[in-house]
């Protein structure tokens, strides 16, 4: 996702915008093993 220039929200290690993460209240990568 980082290579596509669309990193997971909150994933600062891979280039996410820290300002957007803060606005959304995210303090880790928004990624969940759903199924």
ModelCIF file with pLDDT and N, C-alpha, C, O atoms, coordinates in Angstrom:
data_MODEL
#
_entry.id   MODEL 
#
_entity.id                         1 
_entity.type                       polymer 
_entity.pdbx_number_of_molecules   1 
#
_entity_poly.entity_id                      1 
_entity_poly.type                           'polypeptide(L)' 
_entity_poly.nstd_linkage                   no 
_entity_poly.nstd_monomer                   no 
_entity_poly.pdbx_seq_one_letter_code       
;(UNK)(UNK)(UNK)(UNK)(UNK)(UNK)(UNK)(UNK)(UNK)(UNK)(UNK)(UNK)(UNK)(UNK)(UNK)(UNK)
(UNK)(UNK)(UNK)(UNK)(UNK)(UNK)(UNK)(UNK)(UNK)(UNK)(UNK)(UNK)(UNK)(UNK)(UNK)(UNK)
(UNK)(UNK)(UNK)
;
_entity_poly.pdbx_seq_one_letter_code_can   XXXXXXXXXXXXXXXXXXXXXXXXXXXXXXXXXXX 
_entity_poly.pdbx_strand_id                 A 
#
loop_
_entity_poly_seq.entity_id 
_entity_poly_seq.num 
_entity_poly_seq.mon_id 
_entity_poly_seq.hetero 
1 1  UNK n 
1 2  UNK n 
1 3  UNK n 
1 4  UNK n 
1 5  UNK n 
1 6  UNK n 
1 7  UNK n 
1 8  UNK n 
1 9  UNK n 
1 10 UNK n 
1 11 UNK n 
1 12 UNK n 
1 13 UNK n 
1 14 UNK n 
1 15 UNK n 
1 16 UNK n 
1 17 UNK n 
1 18 UNK n 
1 19 UNK n 
1 20 UNK n 
1 21 UNK n 
1 22 UNK n 
1 23 UNK n 
1 24 UNK n 
1 25 UNK n 
1 26 UNK n 
1 27 UNK n 
1 28 UNK n 
1 29 UNK n 
1 30 UNK n 
1 31 UNK n 
1 32 UNK n 
1 33 UNK n 
1 34 UNK n 
1 35 UNK n 
#
_struct_asym.id          A 
_struct_asym.entity_id   1 
#
loop_
_ma_qa_metric.id 
_ma_qa_metric.mode 
_ma_qa_metric.name 
_ma_qa_metric.software_group_id 
_ma_qa_metric.type 
1 global pLDDT . pLDDT 
2 local  pLDDT . pLDDT 
#
_ma_qa_metric_global.metric_id      1 
_ma_qa_metric_global.metric_value   96.23 
_ma_qa_metric_global.model_id       1 
_ma_qa_metric_global.ordinal_id     1 
#
loop_
_ma_qa_metric_local.label_asym_id 
_ma_qa_metric_local.label_comp_id 
_ma_qa_metric_local.label_seq_id 
_ma_qa_metric_local.metric_id 
_ma_qa_metric_local.metric_value 
_ma_qa_metric_local.model_id 
_ma_qa_metric_local.ordinal_id 
A UNK 1  2 98.00 1 1  
A UNK 2  2 97.00 1 2  
A UNK 3  2 97.00 1 3  
A UNK 4  2 97.00 1 4  
A UNK 5  2 97.00 1 5  
A UNK 6  2 98.00 1 6  
A UNK 7  2 98.00 1 7  
A UNK 8  2 98.00 1 8  
A UNK 9  2 98.00 1 9  
A UNK 10 2 96.00 1 10 
A UNK 11 2 96.00 1 11 
A UNK 12 2 96.00 1 12 
A UNK 13 2 95.00 1 13 
A UNK 14 2 96.00 1 14 
A UNK 15 2 96.00 1 15 
A UNK 16 2 96.00 1 16 
A UNK 17 2 96.00 1 17 
A UNK 18 2 95.00 1 18 
A UNK 19 2 95.00 1 19 
A UNK 20 2 95.00 1 20 
A UNK 21 2 95.00 1 21 
A UNK 22 2 95.00 1 22 
A UNK 23 2 93.00 1 23 
A UNK 24 2 94.00 1 24 
A UNK 25 2 93.00 1 25 
A UNK 26 2 94.00 1 26 
A UNK 27 2 93.00 1 27 
A UNK 28 2 96.00 1 28 
A UNK 29 2 97.00 1 29 
A UNK 30 2 98.00 1 30 
A UNK 31 2 98.00 1 31 
A UNK 32 2 98.00 1 32 
A UNK 33 2 98.00 1 33 
A UNK 34 2 98.00 1 34 
A UNK 35 2 98.00 1 35 
#
loop_
_atom_site.group_PDB 
_atom_site.id 
_atom_site.type_symbol 
_atom_site.label_atom_id 
_atom_site.label_alt_id 
_atom_site.label_comp_id 
_atom_site.label_asym_id 
_atom_site.label_entity_id 
_atom_site.label_seq_id 
_atom_site.pdbx_PDB_ins_code 
_atom_site.Cartn_x 
_atom_site.Cartn_y 
_atom_site.Cartn_z 
_atom_site.occupancy 
_atom_site.B_iso_or_equiv 
_atom_site.pdbx_formal_charge 
_atom_site.auth_seq_id 
_atom_site.auth_comp_id 
_atom_site.auth_asym_id 
_atom_site.auth_atom_id 
_atom_site.pdbx_PDB_model_num 
ATOM 1   N N  . UNK A 1 1  ? 0.833   -1.209  0.000  1.00 98.00 ? 1  UNK A N  1 
ATOM 2   C CA . UNK A 1 1  ? 0.000   0.000   0.000  1.00 98.00 ? 1  UNK A CA 1 
ATOM 3   C C  . UNK A 1 1  ? 0.868   1.259   0.000  1.00 98.00 ? 1  UNK A C  1 
ATOM 4   O O  . UNK A 1 1  ? 0.533   2.249   -0.651 1.00 98.00 ? 1  UNK A O  1 
ATOM 5   N N  . UNK A 1 2  ? 1.966   1.221   0.720  1.00 97.00 ? 2  UNK A N  1 
ATOM 6   C CA . UNK A 1 2  ? 2.884   2.354   0.704  1.00 97.00 ? 2  UNK A CA 1 
ATOM 7   C C  . UNK A 1 2  ? 3.464   2.560   -0.686 1.00 97.00 ? 2  UNK A C  1 
ATOM 8   O O  . UNK A 1 2  ? 3.619   3.696   -1.133 1.00 97.00 ? 2  UNK A O  1 
ATOM 9   N N  . UNK A 1 3  ? 3.788   1.462   -1.378 1.00 97.00 ? 3  UNK A N  1 
ATOM 10  C CA . UNK A 1 3  ? 4.338   1.560   -2.728 1.00 97.00 ? 3  UNK A CA 1 
ATOM 11  C C  . UNK A 1 3  ? 3.335   2.172   -3.695 1.00 97.00 ? 3  UNK A C  1 
ATOM 12  O O  . UNK A 1 3  ? 3.721   2.802   -4.680 1.00 97.00 ? 3  UNK A O  1 
ATOM 13  N N  . UNK A 1 4  ? 2.030   1.985   -3.412 1.00 97.00 ? 4  UNK A N  1 
ATOM 14  C CA . UNK A 1 4  ? 0.981   2.583   -4.238 1.00 97.00 ? 4  UNK A CA 1 
ATOM 15  C C  . UNK A 1 4  ? 0.713   4.043   -3.859 1.00 97.00 ? 4  UNK A C  1 
ATOM 16  O O  . UNK A 1 4  ? -0.123  4.704   -4.475 1.00 97.00 ? 4  UNK A O  1 
ATOM 17  N N  . UNK A 1 5  ? 1.419   4.534   -2.854 1.00 97.00 ? 5  UNK A N  1 
ATOM 18  C CA . UNK A 1 5  ? 1.235   5.892   -2.317 1.00 97.00 ? 5  UNK A CA 1 
ATOM 19  C C  . UNK A 1 5  ? -0.105  6.049   -1.596 1.00 97.00 ? 5  UNK A C  1 
ATOM 20  O O  . UNK A 1 5  ? -0.661  7.146   -1.532 1.00 97.00 ? 5  UNK A O  1 
ATOM 21  N N  . UNK A 1 6  ? -0.609  4.951   -1.062 1.00 98.00 ? 6  UNK A N  1 
ATOM 22  C CA . UNK A 1 6  ? -1.836  4.956   -0.259 1.00 98.00 ? 6  UNK A CA 1 
ATOM 23  C C  . UNK A 1 6  ? -1.604  4.144   1.009  1.00 98.00 ? 6  UNK A C  1 
ATOM 24  O O  . UNK A 1 6  ? -2.225  3.096   1.188  1.00 98.00 ? 6  UNK A O  1 
ATOM 25  N N  . UNK A 1 7  ? -0.716  4.613   1.901  1.00 98.00 ? 7  UNK A N  1 
ATOM 26  C CA . UNK A 1 7  ? -0.411  3.834   3.102  1.00 98.00 ? 7  UNK A CA 1 
ATOM 27  C C  . UNK A 1 7  ? -1.613  3.698   4.027  1.00 98.00 ? 7  UNK A C  1 
ATOM 28  O O  . UNK A 1 7  ? -2.554  4.490   3.963  1.00 98.00 ? 7  UNK A O  1 
ATOM 29  N N  . UNK A 1 8  ? -1.570  2.691   4.879  1.00 98.00 ? 8  UNK A N  1 
ATOM 30  C CA . UNK A 1 8  ? -2.601  2.562   5.907  1.00 98.00 ? 8  UNK A CA 1 
ATOM 31  C C  . UNK A 1 8  ? -2.605  3.821   6.763  1.00 98.00 ? 8  UNK A C  1 
ATOM 32  O O  . UNK A 1 8  ? -1.548  4.330   7.136  1.00 98.00 ? 8  UNK A O  1 
ATOM 33  N N  . UNK A 1 9  ? -3.791  4.318   7.071  1.00 98.00 ? 9  UNK A N  1 
ATOM 34  C CA . UNK A 1 9  ? -3.905  5.454   7.972  1.00 98.00 ? 9  UNK A CA 1 
ATOM 35  C C  . UNK A 1 9  ? -3.190  5.108   9.283  1.00 98.00 ? 9  UNK A C  1 
ATOM 36  O O  . UNK A 1 9  ? -3.402  4.033   9.843  1.00 98.00 ? 9  UNK A O  1 
ATOM 37  N N  . UNK A 1 10 ? -2.358  6.006   9.758  1.00 96.00 ? 10 UNK A N  1 
ATOM 38  C CA . UNK A 1 10 ? -1.657  5.800   11.017 1.00 96.00 ? 10 UNK A CA 1 
ATOM 39  C C  . UNK A 1 10 ? -0.357  5.044   10.926 1.00 96.00 ? 10 UNK A C  1 
ATOM 40  O O  . UNK A 1 10 ? 0.352   4.912   11.923 1.00 96.00 ? 10 UNK A O  1 
ATOM 41  N N  . UNK A 1 11 ? -0.021  4.535   9.730  1.00 96.00 ? 11 UNK A N  1 
ATOM 42  C CA . UNK A 1 11 ? 1.202   3.745   9.584  1.00 96.00 ? 11 UNK A CA 1 
ATOM 43  C C  . UNK A 1 11 ? 2.382   4.673   9.276  1.00 96.00 ? 11 UNK A C  1 
ATOM 44  O O  . UNK A 1 11 ? 2.815   4.781   8.129  1.00 96.00 ? 11 UNK A O  1 
ATOM 45  N N  . UNK A 1 12 ? 2.890   5.334   10.307 1.00 96.00 ? 12 UNK A N  1 
ATOM 46  C CA . UNK A 1 12 ? 3.944   6.326   10.124 1.00 96.00 ? 12 UNK A CA 1 
ATOM 47  C C  . UNK A 1 12 ? 5.235   5.703   9.614  1.00 96.00 ? 12 UNK A C  1 
ATOM 48  O O  . UNK A 1 12 ? 6.017   6.371   8.938  1.00 96.00 ? 12 UNK A O  1 
ATOM 49  N N  . UNK A 1 13 ? 5.469   4.435   9.927  1.00 95.00 ? 13 UNK A N  1 
ATOM 50  C CA . UNK A 1 13 ? 6.674   3.753   9.448  1.00 95.00 ? 13 UNK A CA 1 
ATOM 51  C C  . UNK A 1 13 ? 6.708   3.708   7.925  1.00 95.00 ? 13 UNK A C  1 
ATOM 52  O O  . UNK A 1 13 ? 7.779   3.775   7.321  1.00 95.00 ? 13 UNK A O  1 
ATOM 53  N N  . UNK A 1 14 ? 5.536   3.595   7.307  1.00 96.00 ? 14 UNK A N  1 
ATOM 54  C CA . UNK A 1 14 ? 5.460   3.451   5.853  1.00 96.00 ? 14 UNK A CA 1 
ATOM 55  C C  . UNK A 1 14 ? 4.831   4.664   5.171  1.00 96.00 ? 14 UNK A C  1 
ATOM 56  O O  . UNK A 1 14 ? 4.184   4.536   4.132  1.00 96.00 ? 14 UNK A O  1 
ATOM 57  N N  . UNK A 1 15 ? 5.026   5.833   5.761  1.00 96.00 ? 15 UNK A N  1 
ATOM 58  C CA . UNK A 1 15 ? 4.711   7.066   5.053  1.00 96.00 ? 15 UNK A CA 1 
ATOM 59  C C  . UNK A 1 15 ? 3.356   7.676   5.271  1.00 96.00 ? 15 UNK A C  1 
ATOM 60  O O  . UNK A 1 15 ? 2.974   8.576   4.522  1.00 96.00 ? 15 UNK A O  1 
ATOM 61  N N  . UNK A 1 16 ? 2.605   7.233   6.262  1.00 96.00 ? 16 UNK A N  1 
ATOM 62  C CA . UNK A 1 16 ? 1.295   7.828   6.516  1.00 96.00 ? 16 UNK A CA 1 
ATOM 63  C C  . UNK A 1 16 ? 1.435   9.257   7.045  1.00 96.00 ? 16 UNK A C  1 
ATOM 64  O O  . UNK A 1 16 ? 2.452   9.618   7.636  1.00 96.00 ? 16 UNK A O  1 
ATOM 65  N N  . UNK A 1 17 ? 0.400   10.054  6.821  1.00 96.00 ? 17 UNK A N  1 
ATOM 66  C CA . UNK A 1 17 ? 0.371   11.446  7.252  1.00 96.00 ? 17 UNK A CA 1 
ATOM 67  C C  . UNK A 1 17 ? 0.052   11.510  8.748  1.00 96.00 ? 17 UNK A C  1 
ATOM 68  O O  . UNK A 1 17 ? -1.049  11.126  9.143  1.00 96.00 ? 17 UNK A O  1 
ATOM 69  N N  . UNK A 1 18 ? 0.970   11.980  9.590  1.00 95.00 ? 18 UNK A N  1 
ATOM 70  C CA . UNK A 1 18 ? 0.697   12.015  11.033 1.00 95.00 ? 18 UNK A CA 1 
ATOM 71  C C  . UNK A 1 18 ? -0.420  12.977  11.407 1.00 95.00 ? 18 UNK A C  1 
ATOM 72  O O  . UNK A 1 18 ? -1.100  12.776  12.413 1.00 95.00 ? 18 UNK A O  1 
ATOM 73  N N  . UNK A 1 19 ? -0.616  14.023  10.604 1.00 95.00 ? 19 UNK A N  1 
ATOM 74  C CA . UNK A 1 19 ? -1.688  14.988  10.896 1.00 95.00 ? 19 UNK A CA 1 
ATOM 75  C C  . UNK A 1 19 ? -3.047  14.328  10.700 1.00 95.00 ? 19 UNK A C  1 
ATOM 76  O O  . UNK A 1 19 ? -3.936  14.485  11.537 1.00 95.00 ? 19 UNK A O  1 
ATOM 77  N N  . UNK A 1 20 ? -3.217  13.587  9.599  1.00 95.00 ? 20 UNK A N  1 
ATOM 78  C CA . UNK A 1 20 ? -4.479  12.889  9.357  1.00 95.00 ? 20 UNK A CA 1 
ATOM 79  C C  . UNK A 1 20 ? -4.717  11.844  10.441 1.00 95.00 ? 20 UNK A C  1 
ATOM 80  O O  . UNK A 1 20 ? -5.838  11.706  10.931 1.00 95.00 ? 20 UNK A O  1 
ATOM 81  N N  . UNK A 1 21 ? -3.688  11.117  10.814 1.00 95.00 ? 21 UNK A N  1 
ATOM 82  C CA . UNK A 1 21 ? -3.840  10.106  11.859 1.00 95.00 ? 21 UNK A CA 1 
ATOM 83  C C  . UNK A 1 21 ? -4.329  10.737  13.154 1.00 95.00 ? 21 UNK A C  1 
ATOM 84  O O  . UNK A 1 21 ? -5.196  10.188  13.835 1.00 95.00 ? 21 UNK A O  1 
ATOM 85  N N  . UNK A 1 22 ? -3.768  11.889  13.489 1.00 95.00 ? 22 UNK A N  1 
ATOM 86  C CA . UNK A 1 22 ? -4.172  12.574  14.717 1.00 95.00 ? 22 UNK A CA 1 
ATOM 87  C C  . UNK A 1 22 ? -5.619  13.049  14.620 1.00 95.00 ? 22 UNK A C  1 
ATOM 88  O O  . UNK A 1 22 ? -6.374  12.939  15.586 1.00 95.00 ? 22 UNK A O  1 
ATOM 89  N N  . UNK A 1 23 ? -6.007  13.576  13.464 1.00 93.00 ? 23 UNK A N  1 
ATOM 90  C CA . UNK A 1 23 ? -7.384  14.049  13.282 1.00 93.00 ? 23 UNK A CA 1 
ATOM 91  C C  . UNK A 1 23 ? -8.396  12.917  13.423 1.00 93.00 ? 23 UNK A C  1 
ATOM 92  O O  . UNK A 1 23 ? -9.514  13.129  13.891 1.00 93.00 ? 23 UNK A O  1 
ATOM 93  N N  . UNK A 1 24 ? -7.998  11.721  13.017 1.00 94.00 ? 24 UNK A N  1 
ATOM 94  C CA . UNK A 1 24 ? -8.911  10.575  13.069 1.00 94.00 ? 24 UNK A CA 1 
ATOM 95  C C  . UNK A 1 24 ? -8.767  9.779   14.362 1.00 94.00 ? 24 UNK A C  1 
ATOM 96  O O  . UNK A 1 24 ? -9.508  8.821   14.584 1.00 94.00 ? 24 UNK A O  1 
ATOM 97  N N  . UNK A 1 25 ? -7.822  10.164  15.214 1.00 93.00 ? 25 UNK A N  1 
ATOM 98  C CA . UNK A 1 25 ? -7.637  9.459   16.478 1.00 93.00 ? 25 UNK A CA 1 
ATOM 99  C C  . UNK A 1 25 ? -7.003  8.097   16.333 1.00 93.00 ? 25 UNK A C  1 
ATOM 100 O O  . UNK A 1 25 ? -7.299  7.184   17.103 1.00 93.00 ? 25 UNK A O  1 
ATOM 101 N N  . UNK A 1 26 ? -6.134  7.953   15.352 1.00 94.00 ? 26 UNK A N  1 
ATOM 102 C CA . UNK A 1 26 ? -5.479  6.667   15.096 1.00 94.00 ? 26 UNK A CA 1 
ATOM 103 C C  . UNK A 1 26 ? -4.036  6.737   15.575 1.00 94.00 ? 26 UNK A C  1 
ATOM 104 O O  . UNK A 1 26 ? -3.297  7.636   15.173 1.00 94.00 ? 26 UNK A O  1 
ATOM 105 N N  . UNK A 1 27 ? -3.619  5.795   16.436 1.00 93.00 ? 27 UNK A N  1 
ATOM 106 C CA . UNK A 1 27 ? -2.239  5.809   16.909 1.00 93.00 ? 27 UNK A CA 1 
ATOM 107 C C  . UNK A 1 27 ? -1.494  4.527   16.547 1.00 93.00 ? 27 UNK A C  1 
ATOM 108 O O  . UNK A 1 27 ? -0.500  4.175   17.183 1.00 93.00 ? 27 UNK A O  1 
ATOM 109 N N  . UNK A 1 28 ? -1.988  3.830   15.516 1.00 96.00 ? 28 UNK A N  1 
ATOM 110 C CA . UNK A 1 28 ? -1.300  2.648   14.968 1.00 96.00 ? 28 UNK A CA 1 
ATOM 111 C C  . UNK A 1 28 ? -1.808  2.454   13.552 1.00 96.00 ? 28 UNK A C  1 
ATOM 112 O O  . UNK A 1 28 ? -2.736  3.143   13.131 1.00 96.00 ? 28 UNK A O  1 
ATOM 113 N N  . UNK A 1 29 ? -1.214  1.526   12.810 1.00 97.00 ? 29 UNK A N  1 
ATOM 114 C CA . UNK A 1 29 ? -1.704  1.308   11.451 1.00 97.00 ? 29 UNK A CA 1 
ATOM 115 C C  . UNK A 1 29 ? -3.134  0.766   11.490 1.00 97.00 ? 29 UNK A C  1 
ATOM 116 O O  . UNK A 1 29 ? -3.457  -0.125  12.275 1.00 97.00 ? 29 UNK A O  1 
ATOM 117 N N  . UNK A 1 30 ? -3.992  1.333   10.611 1.00 98.00 ? 30 UNK A N  1 
ATOM 118 C CA . UNK A 1 30 ? -5.389  0.875   10.559 1.00 98.00 ? 30 UNK A CA 1 
ATOM 119 C C  . UNK A 1 30 ? -5.406  -0.373  9.674  1.00 98.00 ? 30 UNK A C  1 
ATOM 120 O O  . UNK A 1 30 ? -5.589  -0.300  8.458  1.00 98.00 ? 30 UNK A O  1 
ATOM 121 N N  . UNK A 1 31 ? -5.209  -1.521  10.332 1.00 98.00 ? 31 UNK A N  1 
ATOM 122 C CA . UNK A 1 31 ? -5.125  -2.791  9.609  1.00 98.00 ? 31 UNK A CA 1 
ATOM 123 C C  . UNK A 1 31 ? -5.610  -3.889  10.538 1.00 98.00 ? 31 UNK A C  1 
ATOM 124 O O  . UNK A 1 31 ? -5.138  -4.019  11.668 1.00 98.00 ? 31 UNK A O  1 
ATOM 125 N N  . UNK A 1 32 ? -6.569  -4.689  10.043 1.00 98.00 ? 32 UNK A N  1 
ATOM 126 C CA . UNK A 1 32 ? -7.203  -5.693  10.895 1.00 98.00 ? 32 UNK A CA 1 
ATOM 127 C C  . UNK A 1 32 ? -7.389  -6.985  10.121 1.00 98.00 ? 32 UNK A C  1 
ATOM 128 O O  . UNK A 1 32 ? -7.909  -6.978  9.006  1.00 98.00 ? 32 UNK A O  1 
ATOM 129 N N  . UNK A 1 33 ? -6.958  -8.115  10.724 1.00 98.00 ? 33 UNK A N  1 
ATOM 130 C CA . UNK A 1 33 ? -7.170  -9.439  10.120 1.00 98.00 ? 33 UNK A CA 1 
ATOM 131 C C  . UNK A 1 33 ? -8.621  -9.836  10.361 1.00 98.00 ? 33 UNK A C  1 
ATOM 132 O O  . UNK A 1 33 ? -8.971  -10.361 11.418 1.00 98.00 ? 33 UNK A O  1 
ATOM 133 N N  . UNK A 1 34 ? -9.446  -9.577  9.371  1.00 98.00 ? 34 UNK A N  1 
ATOM 134 C CA . UNK A 1 34 ? -10.892 -9.642  9.517  1.00 98.00 ? 34 UNK A CA 1 
ATOM 135 C C  . UNK A 1 34 ? -11.450 -11.063 9.423  1.00 98.00 ? 34 UNK A C  1 
ATOM 136 O O  . UNK A 1 34 ? -12.363 -11.426 10.165 1.00 98.00 ? 34 UNK A O  1 
ATOM 137 N N  . UNK A 1 35 ? -10.904 -11.855 8.519  1.00 98.00 ? 35 UNK A N  1 
ATOM 138 C CA . UNK A 1 35 ? -11.480 -13.176 8.253  1.00 98.00 ? 35 UNK A CA 1 
ATOM 139 C C  . UNK A 1 35 ? -10.366 -14.186 7.991  1.00 98.00 ? 35 UNK A C  1 
ATOM 140 O O  . UNK A 1 35 ? -10.642 -15.361 7.746  1.00 98.00 ? 35 UNK A O  1 
#
